[in-house]
Amino acid sequence: MLHVCSANAFSPVETRGINMEHYDYIVVGAGIEGSWTAYQLVKGAEKKPSVLLLERFPLPHSRGSSHGQTRIIRNAYPDAFHTSIMPTAFREWQKLQAESGVDVLVPKPLLLIANEEGYKKMDKIIACVNEEKAKQPDADIQLKELSREELETEFPQAKFSSQHRACVEHTAGILRADKCVATVQSEFKKLGGVIRDGFEVTSVVPGERVTVRGRFNNQAASVTASKLAICAGPWASKLIDPLLPTSKTNAYSHERHKHSFRLSELPLEALRILVFYWKIKENGPGAIPSTFIDCGEGDFWGIPELEYPHMYKLSNPSYTDQVEPDDRDKNVGAPDYSSIADYIEKYFPGLEIKPSIVETCMYTVTPDLTCILDTVPGHRNIAFGCGFSGIGFKKAPAVGIMIKQLLNPEEEKILDSTAFRLSRFSTD
């Protein structure tokens, strides 16, 4: 079996061997979800399977959704199916850090805020966390609701009204995103995994042996596998839709999205989101030293000074536009950031109200903003994961476990992926 780690690493002899190599597993997409899936497939196995991780672009790159400096990691969610997998995800990140010696996880408290419209969500978060703590007593989850006095004492840099409720999760943190991706891939290769970047997958042919066809070094190429996982981010539909059976059109409505689609098409939307960095005032009260999520007013979220000196990262999902993943670089013009500037002026007096840095990121979302994990109907040896953006990065170790379970249903079931099935969108 040919072990290759770079698109530029082939000798002439090796290039001739590119067609019809066979692996136990192939994973398409070397973002954080695909990288963790490949790593979970090979680590811990008594007899190491052959695993090939394919990536369309030369690594590292910023074309998908996994690049960047930071991501929030937390246990606090308003849905039990999210909260239940986070203790496992945390443990896997901590193991990765311990085994690699790379600091990928920075402990930071998470401040959750809610005005009256967010009280219901806050109550659901508290209930989900308490329920999970009861189910998993060994899990390290520390969530505390703060009194008005405690909020003012612990976070004097923020100026929220008396109508705001607050919780703080002391077991939350920040993942160093680029380091995370690179470290998972490095540990995967240490265990014998193969990474081939610069390989653009163009189609998948199902069968007892799955054939993956594409382009490599400007030539047609193909490889085969006994089992295949597709984690292709914003390009997922192009590979998975041709594999899905035809079905009647289904309407799906969500409080934030309305879609009409066929289950022969994944209900995915590729978005470009703007991320803002705000300068901390020299003579102001400073920025809160924690990560931050507003559960009510506009879904604002923030990350403290860790990426750029004297900059607080604060944004919300409203700064998005739909894009084709291959056309994400079109000019965004001058964004109207007035709503987030107003929010900062009300609640964060330690920040300037004009952004100093604006960056873009790709999101791939489903109508209910929850990922899809499933197998292709009629082809149990092809699994896929998609629609992760917004809350997917931190869950990647658990996603890898669940995709491994989908491909190997005979093995012990560690996590329940039922809530993430594609069939939840069907109205049949």
Protein backbone atom coordinates (compact mmCIF):
# COMPACT_ATOMS: atom_id res chain seq x y z
CA MET A 1 0.00 0.00 0.00
CA LEU A 2 1.32 3.43 -0.96
CA HIS A 3 1.80 5.91 1.90
CA VAL A 4 1.83 9.49 0.67
CA CYS A 5 1.48 12.65 2.75
CA SER A 6 1.54 15.43 0.17
CA ALA A 7 0.32 16.15 -3.31
CA ASN A 8 3.86 17.03 -4.26
CA ALA A 9 5.47 13.92 -2.82
CA PHE A 10 4.99 11.51 -5.72
CA SER A 11 7.94 10.22 -7.68
CA PRO A 12 7.25 9.10 -11.28
CA VAL A 13 7.04 5.48 -10.14
CA GLU A 14 4.61 6.35 -7.32
CA THR A 15 2.40 8.37 -9.69
CA ARG A 16 1.79 5.28 -11.81
CA GLY A 17 0.45 3.55 -8.70
CA ILE A 18 -2.27 6.11 -8.03
CA ASN A 19 -5.06 4.34 -9.90
CA MET A 20 -7.12 1.67 -8.14
CA GLU A 21 -5.21 1.46 -4.86
CA HIS A 22 -7.40 -0.21 -2.26
CA TYR A 23 -7.89 0.76 1.39
CA ASP A 24 -10.04 -0.51 4.22
CA TYR A 25 -11.40 3.03 4.63
CA ILE A 26 -11.31 6.24 2.64
CA VAL A 27 -12.38 9.55 4.18
CA VAL A 28 -13.15 12.43 1.81
CA GLY A 29 -12.47 15.86 3.28
CA ALA A 30 -9.59 16.73 5.62
CA GLY A 31 -11.33 19.45 7.62
CA ILE A 32 -11.71 18.87 11.34
CA GLU A 33 -14.62 16.42 10.96
CA GLY A 34 -12.94 14.32 8.29
CA SER A 35 -9.59 14.40 10.08
CA TRP A 36 -11.10 13.22 13.36
CA THR A 37 -13.09 10.55 11.53
CA ALA A 38 -9.93 9.20 9.90
CA TYR A 39 -8.12 9.33 13.24
CA GLN A 40 -10.92 7.51 15.09
CA LEU A 41 -10.95 4.79 12.44
CA VAL A 42 -7.29 3.97 12.98
CA LYS A 43 -6.60 4.70 16.66
CA GLY A 44 -7.19 2.06 19.30
CA ALA A 45 -7.48 -0.76 16.78
CA GLU A 46 -5.53 -3.94 17.57
CA LYS A 47 -4.99 -4.55 13.88
CA LYS A 48 -4.54 -1.18 12.22
CA PRO A 49 -6.79 -0.77 9.16
CA SER A 50 -5.51 1.02 6.10
CA VAL A 51 -7.08 4.50 6.05
CA LEU A 52 -6.72 7.13 3.33
CA LEU A 53 -7.71 10.75 3.98
CA LEU A 54 -8.32 12.72 0.79
CA GLU A 55 -8.28 16.51 0.58
CA ARG A 56 -9.15 18.62 -2.43
CA PHE A 57 -6.77 21.50 -1.65
CA PRO A 58 -3.08 21.50 -0.69
CA LEU A 59 -2.75 21.50 3.09
CA PRO A 60 -2.98 23.68 5.06
CA HIS A 61 -5.59 25.95 3.45
CA SER A 62 -8.47 28.30 4.27
CA ARG A 63 -11.01 27.22 1.66
CA GLY A 64 -13.40 25.32 3.92
CA SER A 65 -14.80 25.86 7.42
CA SER A 66 -12.08 24.47 9.69
CA HIS A 67 -9.39 27.12 9.37
CA GLY A 68 -8.88 30.03 11.74
CA GLN A 69 -7.40 30.57 15.13
CA THR A 70 -10.14 29.79 17.65
CA ARG A 71 -13.42 28.02 18.37
CA ILE A 72 -15.51 27.93 21.56
CA ILE A 73 -15.93 24.55 23.25
CA ARG A 74 -18.66 24.04 25.86
CA ASN A 75 -21.05 21.58 27.45
CA ALA A 76 -23.94 24.04 27.75
CA TYR A 77 -26.57 23.45 25.04
CA PRO A 78 -30.39 23.66 25.03
CA ASP A 79 -30.67 20.22 23.33
CA ALA A 80 -29.87 17.00 25.14
CA PHE A 81 -28.49 15.31 22.00
CA HIS A 82 -25.76 17.97 21.85
CA THR A 83 -24.98 18.06 25.57
CA SER A 84 -24.82 14.26 25.82
CA ILE A 85 -21.87 13.90 23.42
CA MET A 86 -19.77 16.77 24.79
CA PRO A 87 -18.15 14.93 27.74
CA THR A 88 -16.79 12.41 25.22
CA ALA A 89 -15.62 15.21 22.92
CA PHE A 90 -13.86 16.98 25.79
CA ARG A 91 -12.08 13.79 26.86
CA GLU A 92 -10.91 13.14 23.30
CA TRP A 93 -9.54 16.68 22.93
CA GLN A 94 -7.75 16.34 26.27
CA LYS A 95 -6.26 12.98 25.22
CA LEU A 96 -5.08 14.51 21.95
CA GLN A 97 -3.40 17.32 23.83
CA ALA A 98 -1.73 14.95 26.31
CA GLU A 99 -0.53 12.48 23.66
CA SER A 100 0.68 15.07 21.15
CA GLY A 101 2.16 17.57 23.59
CA VAL A 102 0.46 20.38 21.65
CA ASP A 103 -1.70 22.89 23.51
CA VAL A 104 -4.89 22.73 21.49
CA LEU A 105 -7.38 23.53 24.28
CA VAL A 106 -7.26 26.69 26.41
CA PRO A 107 -9.55 26.59 29.49
CA LYS A 108 -11.77 29.68 29.62
CA PRO A 109 -15.07 30.25 31.42
CA LEU A 110 -18.15 30.81 29.26
CA LEU A 111 -20.59 33.58 30.17
CA LEU A 112 -24.16 32.90 29.02
CA ILE A 113 -26.54 35.86 29.00
CA ALA A 114 -30.28 36.01 28.29
CA ASN A 115 -32.86 38.75 28.30
CA GLU A 116 -36.56 37.91 28.64
CA GLU A 117 -36.79 36.44 25.13
CA GLY A 118 -33.93 34.09 26.00
CA TYR A 119 -35.18 32.87 29.39
CA LYS A 120 -36.71 29.74 27.90
CA LYS A 121 -33.47 28.82 26.15
CA MET A 122 -31.49 29.46 29.34
CA ASP A 123 -33.83 27.20 31.31
CA LYS A 124 -33.39 24.46 28.70
CA ILE A 125 -29.59 24.77 28.90
CA ILE A 126 -29.64 24.45 32.69
CA ALA A 127 -32.00 21.46 32.52
CA CYS A 128 -29.91 19.69 29.86
CA VAL A 129 -26.70 20.18 31.80
CA ASN A 130 -28.21 18.98 35.07
CA GLU A 131 -29.73 15.95 33.32
CA GLU A 132 -26.40 15.05 31.75
CA LYS A 133 -24.53 15.48 35.03
CA ALA A 134 -26.95 12.99 36.56
CA LYS A 135 -26.42 10.52 33.69
CA GLN A 136 -22.65 10.98 33.58
CA PRO A 137 -21.57 11.78 37.17
CA ASP A 138 -17.90 11.46 36.21
CA ALA A 139 -18.19 14.14 33.53
CA ASP A 140 -16.54 17.44 34.40
CA ILE A 141 -19.39 19.91 33.83
CA GLN A 142 -19.64 22.99 36.02
CA LEU A 143 -22.49 25.37 35.23
CA LYS A 144 -23.64 27.97 37.75
CA GLU A 145 -26.45 30.49 37.51
CA LEU A 146 -25.27 33.89 38.71
CA SER A 147 -27.17 36.35 40.82
CA ARG A 148 -27.23 39.98 39.74
CA GLU A 149 -24.55 40.78 42.30
CA GLU A 150 -22.36 37.87 41.21
CA LEU A 151 -22.61 38.92 37.56
CA GLU A 152 -21.48 42.45 38.39
CA THR A 153 -18.66 41.17 40.64
CA GLU A 154 -17.30 38.47 38.32
CA PHE A 155 -17.75 40.39 35.06
CA PRO A 156 -17.56 44.11 35.86
CA GLN A 157 -16.47 44.85 32.26
CA ALA A 158 -19.99 44.11 30.95
CA LYS A 159 -23.03 46.30 31.62
CA PHE A 160 -26.15 44.16 31.34
CA SER A 161 -29.56 45.25 32.56
CA SER A 162 -31.41 43.98 35.62
CA GLN A 163 -33.65 41.93 33.27
CA HIS A 164 -30.70 39.80 32.12
CA ARG A 165 -30.08 36.37 33.60
CA ALA A 166 -26.59 34.90 33.55
CA CYS A 167 -24.88 31.52 33.85
CA VAL A 168 -21.19 30.75 33.77
CA GLU A 169 -19.68 27.44 32.66
CA HIS A 170 -16.27 27.13 34.26
CA THR A 171 -15.50 23.93 32.30
CA ALA A 172 -15.71 25.62 28.88
CA GLY A 173 -12.72 26.66 26.81
CA ILE A 174 -11.23 27.71 23.50
CA LEU A 175 -9.85 25.38 20.84
CA ARG A 176 -6.91 26.63 18.77
CA ALA A 177 -8.51 25.66 15.47
CA ASP A 178 -5.57 25.56 13.04
CA LYS A 179 -3.44 23.75 15.62
CA CYS A 180 -6.27 21.29 16.22
CA VAL A 181 -6.53 20.32 12.55
CA ALA A 182 -2.76 20.00 12.12
CA THR A 183 -2.36 17.99 15.33
CA VAL A 184 -5.14 15.50 14.54
CA GLN A 185 -3.65 14.93 11.10
CA SER A 186 -0.16 14.51 12.55
CA GLU A 187 -1.34 11.92 15.09
CA PHE A 188 -3.29 10.13 12.34
CA LYS A 189 -0.13 9.81 10.24
CA LYS A 190 1.86 8.56 13.24
CA LEU A 191 -0.55 5.60 13.38
CA GLY A 192 0.04 4.76 9.72
CA GLY A 193 -2.76 6.82 8.20
CA VAL A 194 -2.25 8.24 4.72
CA ILE A 195 -3.10 11.82 3.73
CA ARG A 196 -3.27 12.77 0.08
CA ASP A 197 -3.98 16.45 -0.51
CA GLY A 198 -4.57 18.06 -3.89
CA PHE A 199 -6.94 15.20 -4.80
CA GLU A 200 -10.29 16.56 -6.01
CA VAL A 201 -13.00 13.90 -5.72
CA THR A 202 -15.48 14.20 -8.59
CA SER A 203 -17.70 11.16 -8.06
CA VAL A 204 -18.34 8.09 -5.95
CA VAL A 205 -19.37 4.71 -7.37
CA PRO A 206 -21.08 2.50 -4.76
CA GLY A 207 -20.47 -1.20 -4.49
CA GLU A 208 -18.92 -3.85 -2.29
CA ARG A 209 -15.76 -1.95 -3.14
CA VAL A 210 -16.53 1.76 -3.31
CA THR A 211 -14.71 3.56 -6.11
CA VAL A 212 -13.68 7.16 -5.53
CA ARG A 213 -12.90 9.02 -8.74
CA GLY A 214 -11.23 12.38 -9.12
CA ARG A 215 -8.38 14.51 -10.36
CA PHE A 216 -4.83 14.44 -9.05
CA ASN A 217 -1.85 16.24 -10.58
CA ASN A 218 -4.12 17.26 -13.48
CA GLN A 219 -4.79 13.60 -14.29
CA ALA A 220 -7.80 11.35 -13.81
CA ALA A 221 -7.34 9.18 -10.73
CA SER A 222 -9.29 6.63 -8.73
CA VAL A 223 -8.95 4.65 -5.52
CA THR A 224 -11.17 2.04 -3.88
CA ALA A 225 -12.20 1.21 -0.35
CA SER A 226 -14.27 -1.32 1.53
CA LYS A 227 -15.91 1.55 3.40
CA LEU A 228 -16.18 5.27 2.69
CA ALA A 229 -16.88 8.35 4.82
CA ILE A 230 -17.71 11.69 3.15
CA CYS A 231 -17.05 14.83 5.20
CA ALA A 232 -16.78 17.33 2.37
CA GLY A 233 -18.14 20.47 4.05
CA PRO A 234 -19.75 22.92 1.60
CA TRP A 235 -19.02 20.50 -1.25
CA ALA A 236 -20.93 17.63 0.40
CA SER A 237 -24.06 17.91 -1.76
CA LYS A 238 -22.10 17.49 -4.99
CA LEU A 239 -20.86 14.09 -3.85
CA ILE A 240 -23.77 12.79 -1.79
CA ASP A 241 -26.85 13.93 -3.74
CA PRO A 242 -26.13 11.59 -6.72
CA LEU A 243 -26.11 8.67 -4.25
CA LEU A 244 -29.51 9.42 -2.68
CA PRO A 245 -32.74 7.78 -3.92
CA THR A 246 -35.43 9.88 -5.57
CA SER A 247 -38.26 10.99 -3.29
CA LYS A 248 -41.20 13.35 -3.49
CA THR A 249 -40.69 16.98 -2.55
CA ASN A 250 -40.86 17.64 1.19
CA ALA A 251 -41.51 20.98 2.83
CA TYR A 252 -39.67 21.74 6.03
CA SER A 253 -40.22 24.76 8.25
CA HIS A 254 -38.01 25.99 11.07
CA GLU A 255 -38.33 29.13 13.16
CA ARG A 256 -35.32 30.64 11.39
CA HIS A 257 -35.38 28.92 8.01
CA LYS A 258 -38.00 27.76 5.51
CA HIS A 259 -36.93 25.26 2.90
CA SER A 260 -38.48 23.06 0.27
CA PHE A 261 -36.37 20.15 -0.87
CA ARG A 262 -36.34 16.56 -1.99
CA LEU A 263 -34.70 13.87 0.09
CA SER A 264 -32.76 13.08 -3.03
CA GLU A 265 -31.02 16.34 -2.18
CA LEU A 266 -29.34 17.20 1.09
CA PRO A 267 -31.01 20.17 2.82
CA LEU A 268 -27.78 22.14 2.97
CA GLU A 269 -26.97 25.79 2.50
CA ALA A 270 -23.45 27.17 2.04
CA LEU A 271 -22.97 30.57 3.65
CA ARG A 272 -20.19 33.06 4.00
CA ILE A 273 -20.12 34.67 7.43
CA LEU A 274 -18.29 37.81 8.50
CA VAL A 275 -16.32 37.74 11.75
CA PHE A 276 -15.45 41.00 13.51
CA TYR A 277 -12.60 41.96 15.85
CA TRP A 278 -13.06 44.99 18.10
CA LYS A 279 -10.24 46.95 19.70
CA ILE A 280 -10.12 47.08 23.49
CA LYS A 281 -10.09 50.71 24.67
CA GLU A 282 -6.83 51.83 26.22
CA ASN A 283 -8.49 53.64 29.15
CA GLY A 284 -11.73 51.67 29.31
CA PRO A 285 -12.87 48.93 31.69
CA GLY A 286 -11.40 46.23 29.42
CA ALA A 287 -13.11 43.28 27.77
CA ILE A 288 -14.61 40.36 29.67
CA PRO A 289 -11.95 37.67 30.13
CA SER A 290 -14.22 34.85 29.03
CA THR A 291 -15.98 33.44 26.04
CA PHE A 292 -19.49 34.75 25.63
CA ILE A 293 -22.87 33.70 24.20
CA ASP A 294 -26.10 35.70 24.24
CA CYS A 295 -28.99 33.23 24.39
CA GLY A 296 -31.62 35.82 23.61
CA GLU A 297 -30.69 39.00 21.78
CA GLY A 298 -29.39 38.14 18.34
CA ASP A 299 -27.22 35.11 19.16
CA PHE A 300 -24.10 37.21 19.70
CA TRP A 301 -20.96 35.32 20.62
CA GLY A 302 -17.47 36.40 21.61
CA ILE A 303 -13.94 35.15 22.25
CA PRO A 304 -11.49 37.10 24.46
CA GLU A 305 -8.11 38.45 23.47
CA LEU A 306 -6.26 35.37 22.22
CA GLU A 307 -5.87 35.77 18.46
CA TYR A 308 -4.81 39.39 17.89
CA PRO A 309 -3.32 41.65 20.59
CA HIS A 310 -5.87 43.97 22.21
CA MET A 311 -8.74 42.60 20.07
CA TYR A 312 -12.00 41.00 21.26
CA LYS A 313 -13.76 38.76 18.73
CA LEU A 314 -17.49 39.46 18.74
CA SER A 315 -20.01 38.63 16.02
CA ASN A 316 -23.39 37.06 15.29
CA PRO A 317 -24.88 34.90 12.51
CA SER A 318 -26.80 37.72 10.83
CA TYR A 319 -23.73 38.76 8.82
CA THR A 320 -24.04 36.01 6.24
CA ASP A 321 -24.81 35.61 2.57
CA GLN A 322 -25.41 32.49 0.51
CA VAL A 323 -22.51 31.57 -1.76
CA GLU A 324 -21.25 28.81 -3.98
CA PRO A 325 -18.28 27.24 -2.17
CA ASP A 326 -16.04 27.76 -5.21
CA ASP A 327 -17.02 31.44 -5.40
CA ARG A 328 -16.55 32.54 -1.82
CA ASP A 329 -14.07 35.32 -2.64
CA LYS A 330 -16.49 37.73 -4.26
CA ASN A 331 -16.22 41.25 -2.88
CA VAL A 332 -18.27 41.75 0.29
CA GLY A 333 -18.10 45.53 0.02
CA ALA A 334 -18.37 47.63 3.15
CA PRO A 335 -20.47 45.64 5.65
CA ASP A 336 -23.12 47.40 7.70
CA TYR A 337 -22.02 46.52 11.21
CA SER A 338 -24.33 49.04 12.93
CA SER A 339 -26.42 46.44 14.80
CA ILE A 340 -23.41 44.80 16.43
CA ALA A 341 -21.87 48.23 17.12
CA ASP A 342 -25.10 49.21 18.90
CA TYR A 343 -24.94 45.99 20.90
CA ILE A 344 -21.35 46.71 21.95
CA GLU A 345 -22.21 50.28 22.92
CA LYS A 346 -25.02 48.99 25.18
CA TYR A 347 -23.23 46.13 26.89
CA PHE A 348 -19.45 46.27 26.29
CA PRO A 349 -18.18 49.77 27.17
CA GLY A 350 -14.59 48.53 27.08
CA LEU A 351 -14.65 48.03 23.29
CA GLU A 352 -14.42 50.47 20.41
CA ILE A 353 -17.60 50.52 18.31
CA LYS A 354 -15.85 50.29 14.95
CA PRO A 355 -14.30 46.93 13.99
CA SER A 356 -10.57 46.87 13.41
CA ILE A 357 -10.46 43.55 11.51
CA VAL A 358 -13.12 41.78 9.42
CA GLU A 359 -12.57 38.19 8.28
CA THR A 360 -14.72 35.65 6.43
CA CYS A 361 -15.51 32.01 7.10
CA MET A 362 -17.57 29.37 5.30
CA TYR A 363 -20.61 27.87 7.02
CA THR A 364 -22.59 24.84 5.84
CA VAL A 365 -25.92 24.63 7.63
CA THR A 366 -29.10 22.56 7.71
CA PRO A 367 -32.58 24.05 8.25
CA ASP A 368 -32.54 23.14 11.95
CA LEU A 369 -28.87 24.13 12.37
CA THR A 370 -27.94 20.58 13.42
CA CYS A 371 -25.56 18.33 11.52
CA ILE A 372 -26.52 15.24 9.52
CA LEU A 373 -24.81 11.91 10.26
CA ASP A 374 -26.07 8.92 8.33
CA THR A 375 -25.36 6.21 5.79
CA VAL A 376 -26.45 6.30 2.16
CA PRO A 377 -29.72 4.32 1.76
CA GLY A 378 -28.94 0.95 0.23
CA HIS A 379 -25.20 1.40 0.74
CA ARG A 380 -24.32 0.80 4.38
CA ASN A 381 -20.62 0.99 3.61
CA ILE A 382 -20.90 4.71 2.73
CA ALA A 383 -21.44 7.13 5.62
CA PHE A 384 -21.49 10.90 5.56
CA GLY A 385 -21.43 13.89 7.88
CA CYS A 386 -22.34 17.45 6.89
CA GLY A 387 -23.97 20.67 8.07
CA PHE A 388 -21.64 21.20 11.03
CA SER A 389 -21.02 24.92 10.89
CA GLY A 390 -21.60 27.06 13.94
CA ILE A 391 -21.47 24.26 16.52
CA GLY A 392 -19.58 21.44 14.82
CA PHE A 393 -15.87 22.01 15.35
CA LYS A 394 -15.83 21.20 19.06
CA LYS A 395 -17.87 18.02 18.50
CA ALA A 396 -15.50 16.60 15.87
CA PRO A 397 -14.00 13.85 18.07
CA ALA A 398 -17.51 12.60 18.86
CA VAL A 399 -18.53 12.93 15.21
CA GLY A 400 -15.61 10.71 14.26
CA ILE A 401 -16.78 8.07 16.73
CA MET A 402 -20.36 8.20 15.43
CA ILE A 403 -19.32 7.90 11.78
CA LYS A 404 -17.09 4.96 12.72
CA GLN A 405 -20.12 3.36 14.41
CA LEU A 406 -22.27 3.91 11.32
CA LEU A 407 -19.71 2.10 9.18
CA ASN A 408 -19.27 -0.68 11.76
CA PRO A 409 -22.72 -1.31 13.30
CA GLU A 410 -21.57 -4.62 14.73
CA GLU A 411 -19.15 -2.88 17.11
CA GLU A 412 -19.94 -1.48 20.55
CA LYS A 413 -22.15 1.61 20.40
CA ILE A 414 -20.53 4.42 22.37
CA LEU A 415 -22.63 7.40 21.26
CA ASP A 416 -26.19 7.68 19.94
CA SER A 417 -26.40 9.38 16.54
CA THR A 418 -30.16 8.89 16.07
CA ALA A 419 -30.95 12.61 16.44
CA PHE A 420 -28.64 13.45 13.54
CA ARG A 421 -30.20 11.19 10.88
CA LEU A 422 -31.22 12.61 7.50
CA SER A 423 -34.71 11.08 7.88
CA ARG A 424 -35.70 13.76 10.41
CA PHE A 425 -36.37 16.06 7.47
CA SER A 426 -38.81 13.68 5.77
CA THR A 427 -42.54 14.38 5.95
CA ASP A 428 -43.46 10.91 4.64
